[in-house]
């Protein structure tokens, strides 16, 4: 049995939850799902320039968990940018 996910503190609610390449119809695009946790780690570490240790304390998770989430988020964003995919932010 898998260990239950610990609640994470998210201090940001995005206004926009969908991003897509310009001039390409949504019906032909593949999409990448970015969780709200992943968006929060990107915001704290890359936009706000917090160190991972500080960001993990703000989210009330371990530094290793934050690192895993951040790595996943960066990979998904890179995949969307390089391969021309849409990014959908999910609150799951």
C-alpha atoms as a PDB file:
ATOM      1  CA  UNK A   1       0.000   0.000   0.000  1.00  0.00           C
ATOM      2  CA  UNK A   2       1.384   3.393  -1.009  1.00  0.00           C
ATOM      3  CA  UNK A   3       2.000   6.059   1.558  1.00  0.00           C
ATOM      4  CA  UNK A   4      -0.623   8.857   1.455  1.00  0.00           C
ATOM      5  CA  UNK A   5       0.459  12.215   0.044  1.00  0.00           C
ATOM      6  CA  UNK A   6       1.140  14.790   2.725  1.00  0.00           C
ATOM      7  CA  UNK A   7      -0.805  18.056   2.296  1.00  0.00           C
ATOM      8  CA  UNK A   8       1.345  20.739   0.697  1.00  0.00           C
ATOM      9  CA  UNK A   9       1.065  24.445   1.287  1.00  0.00           C
ATOM     10  CA  UNK A  10       0.339  26.277  -1.960  1.00  0.00           C
ATOM     11  CA  UNK A  11       0.442  30.066  -1.695  1.00  0.00           C
ATOM     12  CA  UNK A  12      -0.449  30.854  -5.291  1.00  0.00           C
ATOM     13  CA  UNK A  13      -3.614  30.502  -7.334  1.00  0.00           C
ATOM     14  CA  UNK A  14      -2.944  31.060 -11.051  1.00  0.00           C
ATOM     15  CA  UNK A  15      -5.366  33.135 -13.098  1.00  0.00           C
ATOM     16  CA  UNK A  16      -4.435  31.348 -16.309  1.00  0.00           C
ATOM     17  CA  UNK A  17      -4.409  27.559 -16.321  1.00  0.00           C
ATOM     18  CA  UNK A  18      -3.719  26.858 -19.975  1.00  0.00           C
ATOM     19  CA  UNK A  19      -0.873  27.914 -22.265  1.00  0.00           C
ATOM     20  CA  UNK A  20      -0.463  26.939 -25.881  1.00  0.00           C
ATOM     21  CA  UNK A  21       1.734  27.783 -28.855  1.00  0.00           C
ATOM     22  CA  UNK A  22       0.438  30.633 -30.967  1.00  0.00           C
ATOM     23  CA  UNK A  23      -1.344  30.004 -34.271  1.00  0.00           C
ATOM     24  CA  UNK A  24      -1.811  26.280 -33.710  1.00  0.00           C
ATOM     25  CA  UNK A  25      -5.379  25.065 -33.145  1.00  0.00           C
ATOM     26  CA  UNK A  26      -5.937  23.465 -29.769  1.00  0.00           C
ATOM     27  CA  UNK A  27      -7.579  20.476 -31.433  1.00  0.00           C
ATOM     28  CA  UNK A  28      -4.275  19.381 -32.999  1.00  0.00           C
ATOM     29  CA  UNK A  29      -2.045  20.019 -29.979  1.00  0.00           C
ATOM     30  CA  UNK A  30      -0.823  17.473 -27.503  1.00  0.00           C
ATOM     31  CA  UNK A  31      -0.703  18.736 -23.947  1.00  0.00           C
ATOM     32  CA  UNK A  32       1.442  18.388 -20.849  1.00  0.00           C
ATOM     33  CA  UNK A  33      -0.279  18.375 -17.441  1.00  0.00           C
ATOM     34  CA  UNK A  34       1.513  20.480 -14.832  1.00  0.00           C
ATOM     35  CA  UNK A  35       0.211  20.054 -11.291  1.00  0.00           C
ATOM     36  CA  UNK A  36      -0.313  23.024  -8.984  1.00  0.00           C
ATOM     37  CA  UNK A  37       2.480  21.572  -6.776  1.00  0.00           C
ATOM     38  CA  UNK A  38       4.858  21.642  -9.729  1.00  0.00           C
ATOM     39  CA  UNK A  39       3.854  25.204 -10.592  1.00  0.00           C
ATOM     40  CA  UNK A  40       4.426  26.290  -6.993  1.00  0.00           C
ATOM     41  CA  UNK A  41       7.917  24.790  -6.935  1.00  0.00           C
ATOM     42  CA  UNK A  42       8.761  26.576 -10.197  1.00  0.00           C
ATOM     43  CA  UNK A  43       7.427  29.839  -8.781  1.00  0.00           C
ATOM     44  CA  UNK A  44       9.348  29.599  -5.521  1.00  0.00           C
ATOM     45  CA  UNK A  45      12.667  28.295  -6.886  1.00  0.00           C
ATOM     46  CA  UNK A  46      12.911  29.864 -10.337  1.00  0.00           C
ATOM     47  CA  UNK A  47      10.825  33.035 -10.125  1.00  0.00           C
ATOM     48  CA  UNK A  48      11.207  34.034  -6.467  1.00  0.00           C
ATOM     49  CA  UNK A  49      14.809  32.684  -6.264  1.00  0.00           C
ATOM     50  CA  UNK A  50      14.326  30.800  -3.012  1.00  0.00           C
ATOM     51  CA  UNK A  51      16.842  28.081  -2.269  1.00  0.00           C
ATOM     52  CA  UNK A  52      15.330  24.610  -2.284  1.00  0.00           C
ATOM     53  CA  UNK A  53      15.682  24.358   1.472  1.00  0.00           C
ATOM     54  CA  UNK A  54      13.692  27.587   1.977  1.00  0.00           C
ATOM     55  CA  UNK A  55      11.091  26.656  -0.623  1.00  0.00           C
ATOM     56  CA  UNK A  56      10.547  23.233   0.946  1.00  0.00           C
ATOM     57  CA  UNK A  57       9.910  24.865   4.327  1.00  0.00           C
ATOM     58  CA  UNK A  58       7.364  27.234   2.762  1.00  0.00           C
ATOM     59  CA  UNK A  59       5.550  24.288   1.157  1.00  0.00           C
ATOM     60  CA  UNK A  60       5.894  22.177   4.327  1.00  0.00           C
ATOM     61  CA  UNK A  61       7.545  19.274   2.515  1.00  0.00           C
ATOM     62  CA  UNK A  62      11.007  17.742   2.641  1.00  0.00           C
ATOM     63  CA  UNK A  63      13.783  19.128   0.485  1.00  0.00           C
ATOM     64  CA  UNK A  64      14.087  15.815  -1.368  1.00  0.00           C
ATOM     65  CA  UNK A  65      10.370  15.872  -2.214  1.00  0.00           C
ATOM     66  CA  UNK A  66      10.675  19.443  -3.477  1.00  0.00           C
ATOM     67  CA  UNK A  67      13.665  18.434  -5.625  1.00  0.00           C
ATOM     68  CA  UNK A  68      11.691  15.558  -7.148  1.00  0.00           C
ATOM     69  CA  UNK A  69       8.688  17.816  -7.893  1.00  0.00           C
ATOM     70  CA  UNK A  70      10.918  20.575  -9.316  1.00  0.00           C
ATOM     71  CA  UNK A  71      12.757  18.159 -11.601  1.00  0.00           C
ATOM     72  CA  UNK A  72       9.441  16.835 -12.908  1.00  0.00           C
ATOM     73  CA  UNK A  73       8.086  20.348 -13.471  1.00  0.00           C
ATOM     74  CA  UNK A  74      11.158  21.547 -15.345  1.00  0.00           C
ATOM     75  CA  UNK A  75      11.113  18.455 -17.565  1.00  0.00           C
ATOM     76  CA  UNK A  76       7.438  18.977 -18.422  1.00  0.00           C
ATOM     77  CA  UNK A  77       7.889  22.672 -19.247  1.00  0.00           C
ATOM     78  CA  UNK A  78      10.957  21.904 -21.376  1.00  0.00           C
ATOM     79  CA  UNK A  79       9.035  19.175 -23.209  1.00  0.00           C
ATOM     80  CA  UNK A  80       6.182  21.572 -23.956  1.00  0.00           C
ATOM     81  CA  UNK A  81       8.490  24.342 -25.195  1.00  0.00           C
ATOM     82  CA  UNK A  82      10.734  22.132 -27.305  1.00  0.00           C
ATOM     83  CA  UNK A  83       7.984  19.958 -28.790  1.00  0.00           C
ATOM     84  CA  UNK A  84       5.318  22.665 -29.198  1.00  0.00           C
ATOM     85  CA  UNK A  85       2.833  21.207 -26.726  1.00  0.00           C
ATOM     86  CA  UNK A  86       0.206  23.002 -24.657  1.00  0.00           C
ATOM     87  CA  UNK A  87       0.612  23.264 -20.869  1.00  0.00           C
ATOM     88  CA  UNK A  88      -2.452  22.591 -18.730  1.00  0.00           C
ATOM     89  CA  UNK A  89      -2.239  23.418 -15.028  1.00  0.00           C
ATOM     90  CA  UNK A  90      -4.264  20.989 -12.921  1.00  0.00           C
ATOM     91  CA  UNK A  91      -5.226  21.398  -9.269  1.00  0.00           C
ATOM     92  CA  UNK A  92      -4.922  17.708  -8.454  1.00  0.00           C
END
